[in-house]
C-alpha atoms as a PDB file:
ATOM      1  CA  MET A   1    -166.287 -19.462-271.319  1.00  0.00           C
ATOM      2  CA  GLN A   2    -165.583 -20.267-267.717  1.00  0.00           C
ATOM      3  CA  ALA A   3    -166.900 -17.428-265.647  1.00  0.00           C
ATOM      4  CA  ASN A   4    -166.018 -19.295-262.523  1.00  0.00           C
ATOM      5  CA  ARG A   5    -162.248 -19.402-263.375  1.00  0.00           C
ATOM      6  CA  PHE A   6    -161.747 -16.000-262.094  1.00  0.00           C
ATOM      7  CA  GLU A   7    -164.156 -15.778-259.314  1.00  0.00           C
ATOM      8  CA  ARG A   8    -162.106 -14.898-256.031  1.00  0.00           C
ATOM      9  CA  GLN A   9    -162.616 -17.528-253.173  1.00  0.00           C
ATOM     10  CA  ASP A  10    -162.652 -16.302-249.715  1.00  0.00           C
ATOM     11  CA  PRO A  11    -159.592 -17.459-247.583  1.00  0.00           C
ATOM     12  CA  SER A  12    -160.502 -20.145-245.077  1.00  0.00           C
ATOM     13  CA  LYS A  13    -160.095 -19.574-241.403  1.00  0.00           C
ATOM     14  CA  ARG A  14    -157.197 -21.959-241.190  1.00  0.00           C
ATOM     15  CA  SER A  15    -155.240 -19.928-243.811  1.00  0.00           C
ATOM     16  CA  GLU A  16    -155.914 -16.717-241.948  1.00  0.00           C
ATOM     17  CA  VAL A  17    -154.728 -18.023-238.886  1.00  0.00           C
ATOM     18  CA  THR A  18    -151.611 -19.533-240.467  1.00  0.00           C
ATOM     19  CA  LEU A  19    -150.801 -16.206-242.142  1.00  0.00           C
ATOM     20  CA  PHE A  20    -151.557 -14.273-238.739  1.00  0.00           C
ATOM     21  CA  LEU A  21    -149.016 -16.579-236.878  1.00  0.00           C
ATOM     22  CA  PHE A  22    -146.363 -16.359-239.667  1.00  0.00           C
ATOM     23  CA  LEU A  23    -146.424 -12.441-239.733  1.00  0.00           C
ATOM     24  CA  THR A  24    -146.513 -12.268-235.985  1.00  0.00           C
ATOM     25  CA  PHE A  25    -143.721 -14.791-235.001  1.00  0.00           C
ATOM     26  CA  ILE A  26    -141.635 -15.126-238.079  1.00  0.00           C
ATOM     27  CA  LEU A  27    -141.648 -12.303-240.596  1.00  0.00           C
ATOM     28  CA  ILE A  28    -142.325  -9.199-238.442  1.00  0.00           C
ATOM     29  CA  PRO A  29    -139.449 -10.049-235.752  1.00  0.00           C
ATOM     30  CA  THR A  30    -137.023 -10.741-238.631  1.00  0.00           C
ATOM     31  CA  LEU A  31    -137.767  -7.732-240.335  1.00  0.00           C
ATOM     32  CA  THR A  32    -137.531  -5.708-236.700  1.00  0.00           C
ATOM     33  CA  VAL A  33    -134.104  -7.471-236.204  1.00  0.00           C
ATOM     34  CA  GLY A  34    -132.840  -6.678-239.533  1.00  0.00           C
ATOM     35  CA  LEU A  35    -133.867  -3.278-239.774  1.00  0.00           C
ATOM     36  CA  VAL A  36    -132.313  -2.175-236.209  1.00  0.00           C
ATOM     37  CA  GLY A  37    -129.241  -4.236-237.285  1.00  0.00           C
ATOM     38  CA  ALA A  38    -128.947  -2.248-240.397  1.00  0.00           C
ATOM     39  CA  TYR A  39    -129.449   0.926-238.874  1.00  0.00           C
ATOM     40  CA  GLY A  40    -126.768   0.146-236.418  1.00  0.00           C
ATOM     41  CA  PHE A  41    -124.451  -0.765-238.981  1.00  0.00           C
ATOM     42  CA  ALA A  42    -125.113   2.450-241.024  1.00  0.00           C
ATOM     43  CA  ILE A  43    -124.366   4.512-237.624  1.00  0.00           C
ATOM     44  CA  TRP A  44    -121.108   2.491-237.235  1.00  0.00           C
ATOM     45  CA  ILE A  45    -119.786   3.177-240.652  1.00  0.00           C
ATOM     46  CA  SER A  46    -120.954   6.708-240.770  1.00  0.00           C
ATOM     47  CA  GLN A  47    -118.954   7.120-237.634  1.00  0.00           C
ATOM     48  CA  MET A  48    -115.761   5.601-238.874  1.00  0.00           C
ATOM     49  CA  PHE A  49    -115.874   7.729-241.802  1.00  0.00           C
ATOM     50  CA  LEU A  50    -117.089  10.905-240.475  1.00  0.00           C
ATOM     51  CA  SER A  51    -115.266  11.253-237.251  1.00  0.00           C
ATOM     52  CA  GLY A  52    -112.262   9.145-237.816  1.00  0.00           C
ATOM     53  CA  PRO A  53    -110.407   6.868-235.348  1.00  0.00           C
ATOM     54  CA  PRO A  54    -110.999   7.390-231.620  1.00  0.00           C
ATOM     55  CA  THR A  55    -108.056   9.599-230.097  1.00  0.00           C
ATOM     56  CA  GLY A  56    -107.339   8.895-226.712  1.00  0.00           C
END
């Protein structure tokens, strides 16, 4: 049996820094922009269907 096959290795400092930078500068801003855009789109669609076209 290979007992060492399933041992967990600690991540290196470089991989932790790389993951932190990816999360901080790429993933979180992308998700934030997507969520705000989806919320705005949902509000726009709901206004179109619930309140109808603007009258003036």
